[in-house]
Amino acid sequence: MALLDYFLRKKEKPVTTASKAKERLQIIVAHERNSRNKQPDYLPQLTEDILVVLRKYIQVSDESFSIKLDNKDGDLNVLELNIELHDEQNKG
């Protein structure tokens, strides 16, 4: 029976250097994507647009304004705006 098993067994695909290289490249690409800055491309323009709208109503300097985008739990994005507002009446 051992002789019959030898001829009937499935032959495994040999691992080629191309498949090894492909697998390594996929790992490198996945690592680079994770280590990259996760800031979306539209965030700088969104920041400028928000500043333009705010400046129509109040005085806001670039230093007193910050915007941050966080990814919570992989499914939820949180946009955080921090604006320092100065009381103009108390200045004097």
C-alpha atoms as a PDB file:
ATOM      1  CA  MET A   1       0.000   0.000   0.000  1.00  0.00           C
ATOM      2  CA  ALA A   2       2.842   2.387   0.646  1.00  0.00           C
ATOM      3  CA  LEU A   3       3.815   2.207  -2.991  1.00  0.00           C
ATOM      4  CA  LEU A   4       0.255   3.046  -4.040  1.00  0.00           C
ATOM      5  CA  ASP A   5       0.137   5.956  -1.567  1.00  0.00           C
ATOM      6  CA  TYR A   6       3.365   7.293  -3.027  1.00  0.00           C
ATOM      7  CA  PHE A   7       1.872   7.554  -6.528  1.00  0.00           C
ATOM      8  CA  LEU A   8      -1.574   8.788  -5.465  1.00  0.00           C
ATOM      9  CA  ARG A   9      -0.531  11.562  -3.091  1.00  0.00           C
ATOM     10  CA  LYS A  10      -0.993  15.141  -4.166  1.00  0.00           C
ATOM     11  CA  LYS A  11       2.112  16.905  -5.234  1.00  0.00           C
ATOM     12  CA  GLU A  12       2.764  20.141  -3.404  1.00  0.00           C
ATOM     13  CA  LYS A  13       3.599  23.218  -5.404  1.00  0.00           C
ATOM     14  CA  PRO A  14       7.237  24.082  -5.064  1.00  0.00           C
ATOM     15  CA  VAL A  15       7.840  27.437  -3.437  1.00  0.00           C
ATOM     16  CA  THR A  16       9.461  29.657  -6.017  1.00  0.00           C
ATOM     17  CA  THR A  17      11.613  32.656  -5.380  1.00  0.00           C
ATOM     18  CA  ALA A  18       9.021  34.787  -7.189  1.00  0.00           C
ATOM     19  CA  SER A  19       6.288  33.795  -4.762  1.00  0.00           C
ATOM     20  CA  LYS A  20       8.605  34.443  -1.813  1.00  0.00           C
ATOM     21  CA  ALA A  21       9.492  37.857  -3.209  1.00  0.00           C
ATOM     22  CA  LYS A  22       5.815  38.670  -3.789  1.00  0.00           C
ATOM     23  CA  GLU A  23       4.932  37.742  -0.211  1.00  0.00           C
ATOM     24  CA  ARG A  24       7.797  39.823   1.189  1.00  0.00           C
ATOM     25  CA  LEU A  25       6.808  42.781  -0.964  1.00  0.00           C
ATOM     26  CA  GLN A  26       3.221  42.574   0.288  1.00  0.00           C
ATOM     27  CA  ILE A  27       4.482  42.636   3.875  1.00  0.00           C
ATOM     28  CA  ILE A  28       6.678  45.662   3.163  1.00  0.00           C
ATOM     29  CA  VAL A  29       3.838  47.541   1.439  1.00  0.00           C
ATOM     30  CA  ALA A  30       1.438  46.802   4.315  1.00  0.00           C
ATOM     31  CA  HIS A  31       4.038  47.989   6.826  1.00  0.00           C
ATOM     32  CA  GLU A  32       4.672  51.206   4.888  1.00  0.00           C
ATOM     33  CA  ARG A  33       0.947  51.946   4.702  1.00  0.00           C
ATOM     34  CA  ASN A  34       0.617  51.549   8.453  1.00  0.00           C
ATOM     35  CA  SER A  35       3.645  53.683   9.262  1.00  0.00           C
ATOM     36  CA  ARG A  36       2.688  56.496   6.877  1.00  0.00           C
ATOM     37  CA  ASN A  37       1.086  59.636   8.192  1.00  0.00           C
ATOM     38  CA  LYS A  38      -2.615  58.871   8.151  1.00  0.00           C
ATOM     39  CA  GLN A  39      -3.645  62.448   7.437  1.00  0.00           C
ATOM     40  CA  PRO A  40      -6.016  62.571   4.473  1.00  0.00           C
ATOM     41  CA  ASP A  41      -5.160  64.693   1.440  1.00  0.00           C
ATOM     42  CA  TYR A  42      -8.135  66.997   1.943  1.00  0.00           C
ATOM     43  CA  LEU A  43      -7.275  68.025   5.525  1.00  0.00           C
ATOM     44  CA  PRO A  44      -5.073  71.068   4.690  1.00  0.00           C
ATOM     45  CA  GLN A  45      -7.739  72.495   2.370  1.00  0.00           C
ATOM     46  CA  LEU A  46     -10.451  71.775   4.949  1.00  0.00           C
ATOM     47  CA  THR A  47      -8.408  73.632   7.557  1.00  0.00           C
ATOM     48  CA  GLU A  48      -8.101  76.675   5.303  1.00  0.00           C
ATOM     49  CA  ASP A  49     -11.811  76.634   4.476  1.00  0.00           C
ATOM     50  CA  ILE A  50     -12.761  76.483   8.158  1.00  0.00           C
ATOM     51  CA  LEU A  51     -10.410  79.369   8.956  1.00  0.00           C
ATOM     52  CA  VAL A  52     -11.925  81.499   6.173  1.00  0.00           C
ATOM     53  CA  VAL A  53     -15.434  80.937   7.537  1.00  0.00           C
ATOM     54  CA  LEU A  54     -14.399  81.602  11.147  1.00  0.00           C
ATOM     55  CA  ARG A  55     -12.610  84.812  10.194  1.00  0.00           C
ATOM     56  CA  LYS A  56     -15.858  86.185   8.771  1.00  0.00           C
ATOM     57  CA  TYR A  57     -17.256  86.287  12.314  1.00  0.00           C
ATOM     58  CA  ILE A  58     -14.320  86.392  14.772  1.00  0.00           C
ATOM     59  CA  GLN A  59     -10.628  87.186  14.850  1.00  0.00           C
ATOM     60  CA  VAL A  60      -8.685  83.931  14.744  1.00  0.00           C
ATOM     61  CA  SER A  61      -4.927  83.650  14.321  1.00  0.00           C
ATOM     62  CA  ASP A  62      -3.197  80.612  12.884  1.00  0.00           C
ATOM     63  CA  GLU A  63      -1.529  79.987  16.252  1.00  0.00           C
ATOM     64  CA  SER A  64      -4.842  79.890  18.143  1.00  0.00           C
ATOM     65  CA  PHE A  65      -6.387  77.313  15.813  1.00  0.00           C
ATOM     66  CA  SER A  66      -5.616  73.617  15.479  1.00  0.00           C
ATOM     67  CA  ILE A  67      -7.351  70.755  13.740  1.00  0.00           C
ATOM     68  CA  LYS A  68      -6.776  67.048  14.247  1.00  0.00           C
ATOM     69  CA  LEU A  69      -8.285  63.929  12.700  1.00  0.00           C
ATOM     70  CA  ASP A  70      -8.329  60.736  14.792  1.00  0.00           C
ATOM     71  CA  ASN A  71      -9.298  57.256  13.686  1.00  0.00           C
ATOM     72  CA  LYS A  72     -11.212  55.512  16.483  1.00  0.00           C
ATOM     73  CA  ASP A  73     -11.724  51.751  16.331  1.00  0.00           C
ATOM     74  CA  GLY A  74     -10.974  51.648  12.598  1.00  0.00           C
ATOM     75  CA  ASP A  75     -14.532  52.610  11.624  1.00  0.00           C
ATOM     76  CA  LEU A  76     -14.999  56.023  13.205  1.00  0.00           C
ATOM     77  CA  ASN A  77     -13.155  59.211  12.270  1.00  0.00           C
ATOM     78  CA  VAL A  78     -13.210  62.117  14.720  1.00  0.00           C
ATOM     79  CA  LEU A  79     -12.427  65.647  13.583  1.00  0.00           C
ATOM     80  CA  GLU A  80     -11.263  67.772  16.510  1.00  0.00           C
ATOM     81  CA  LEU A  81     -11.130  71.591  16.304  1.00  0.00           C
ATOM     82  CA  ASN A  82      -9.437  73.679  18.970  1.00  0.00           C
ATOM     83  CA  ILE A  83      -9.925  77.434  18.788  1.00  0.00           C
ATOM     84  CA  GLU A  84      -8.639  79.946  21.321  1.00  0.00           C
ATOM     85  CA  LEU A  85     -11.100  82.785  21.647  1.00  0.00           C
ATOM     86  CA  HIS A  86      -9.922  86.026  23.223  1.00  0.00           C
ATOM     87  CA  ASP A  87     -12.350  88.342  24.968  1.00  0.00           C
ATOM     88  CA  GLU A  88     -12.045  91.661  23.141  1.00  0.00           C
ATOM     89  CA  GLN A  89     -13.974  93.587  25.819  1.00  0.00           C
ATOM     90  CA  ASN A  90     -11.402  92.865  28.556  1.00  0.00           C
ATOM     91  CA  LYS A  91      -8.497  94.171  26.481  1.00  0.00           C
ATOM     92  CA  GLY A  92      -7.622  97.546  27.210  1.00  0.00           C
END
